[in-house]
Protein backbone atom coordinates (compact mmCIF):
# COMPACT_ATOMS: atom_id res chain seq x y z
CA MET A 1 120.91 -74.71 107.70
CA THR A 2 120.68 -71.90 110.04
CA LYS A 3 117.92 -71.15 112.20
CA ASP A 4 117.27 -68.04 110.31
CA ASN A 5 117.14 -69.77 106.98
CA PHE A 6 114.85 -72.38 108.42
CA LEU A 7 112.33 -69.81 109.59
CA ARG A 8 112.51 -68.25 106.01
CA PHE A 9 111.64 -71.45 104.43
CA VAL A 10 108.86 -72.16 106.96
CA THR A 11 107.42 -68.84 106.34
CA ILE A 12 107.53 -69.01 102.54
CA GLY A 13 105.95 -72.38 102.63
CA THR A 14 103.24 -71.48 105.03
CA VAL A 15 102.31 -68.28 103.08
CA LEU A 16 102.28 -70.14 99.84
CA SER A 17 100.34 -72.86 101.34
CA VAL A 18 97.64 -70.62 102.92
CA MET A 19 97.45 -68.51 99.78
CA GLY A 20 96.88 -71.61 97.50
CA PHE A 21 94.24 -72.84 100.03
CA ILE A 22 92.49 -69.67 99.79
CA LEU A 23 92.57 -69.45 96.00
CA LEU A 24 91.19 -73.03 95.78
CA ILE A 25 88.35 -72.19 98.21
CA PHE A 26 87.24 -68.99 96.70
CA SER A 27 87.98 -69.73 92.91
CA SER A 28 84.54 -69.86 91.86
CA ASN A 29 83.72 -66.37 93.55
CA LEU A 30 86.96 -64.84 92.27
CA GLY A 31 86.13 -66.27 88.65
CA ILE A 32 82.62 -64.85 88.82
CA TYR A 33 84.03 -61.43 89.83
CA ARG A 34 86.51 -61.37 87.03
CA ALA A 35 83.86 -62.41 84.53
CA ASP A 36 81.44 -59.68 85.84
CA ASP A 37 84.30 -57.29 85.56
CA TRP A 38 84.94 -58.31 81.79
CA LEU A 39 81.29 -58.22 81.22
CA MET A 40 81.04 -54.52 82.47
CA ASN A 41 84.06 -53.48 80.38
CA GLU A 42 82.56 -55.28 77.30
CA GLY A 43 79.26 -53.55 77.61
CA GLY A 44 77.03 -56.62 77.33
CA THR A 45 77.27 -59.80 75.43
CA ASN A 46 75.58 -63.00 75.08
CA ARG A 47 75.02 -65.39 78.12
CA ASP A 48 77.21 -68.14 76.61
CA MET A 49 80.31 -65.95 76.23
CA PHE A 50 79.90 -64.89 79.93
CA LEU A 51 79.78 -68.43 80.98
CA ILE A 52 82.77 -69.45 78.86
CA ARG A 53 84.72 -66.64 80.50
CA ALA A 54 83.58 -67.32 83.94
CA GLU A 55 84.50 -70.98 83.78
CA GLY A 56 87.93 -69.94 82.19
CA TYR A 57 88.68 -67.50 85.05
CA ILE A 58 87.53 -70.08 87.72
CA ASN A 59 89.79 -72.81 86.26
CA ALA A 60 92.74 -70.39 86.06
CA PHE A 61 92.33 -69.51 89.76
CA MET A 62 92.01 -73.18 90.53
CA VAL A 63 95.13 -74.04 88.86
CA PHE A 64 97.12 -71.13 90.29
CA GLY A 65 95.93 -72.09 93.73
CA ALA A 66 96.86 -75.58 93.26
CA ILE A 67 100.33 -74.63 92.12
CA CYS A 68 100.89 -72.34 95.02
CA LEU A 69 99.58 -74.98 97.58
CA SER A 70 101.86 -77.69 96.09
CA ILE A 71 104.96 -75.45 96.13
CA GLY A 72 104.19 -74.25 99.74
CA PHE A 73 103.79 -77.95 101.01
CA PHE A 74 106.93 -78.97 99.09
CA THR A 75 108.80 -76.24 100.66
CA LEU A 76 107.53 -77.17 104.06
CA ILE A 77 108.51 -80.78 103.59
CA LEU A 78 111.82 -79.97 102.15
CA ALA A 79 112.70 -77.67 105.08
CA TYR A 80 111.71 -80.28 107.69
CA PHE A 81 113.80 -82.93 106.08
CA ILE A 82 116.77 -80.53 105.66
CA LYS A 83 116.33 -79.54 109.19
CA VAL A 84 116.37 -83.42 110.40
CA MET A 85 119.46 -84.16 108.17
CA PHE A 86 121.40 -81.34 109.63
CA THR A 87 120.31 -82.09 113.21
CA LYS A 88 121.41 -85.67 112.80
CA GLU A 89 124.76 -84.74 111.41
CA GLN A 90 125.49 -82.59 114.32
């Protein structure tokens, strides 16, 4: 693995990890914001429907954040082990 490829792996892993962490932390705020936007476009509805939408959006942001965080960590770990393996061989 060249140094350029290693830096790309580390950059991609770091960006995905940070993005996933931010989505996990702010998932409730983002979900409520999306549900408010839906409510404005809908023109008003009952409270139960709003809460169902809000919970759905919050869960979607949490799942997407967890997937990004997992892929980011996996990429960082994979880059580290590939770097260690190639360093030992040389």
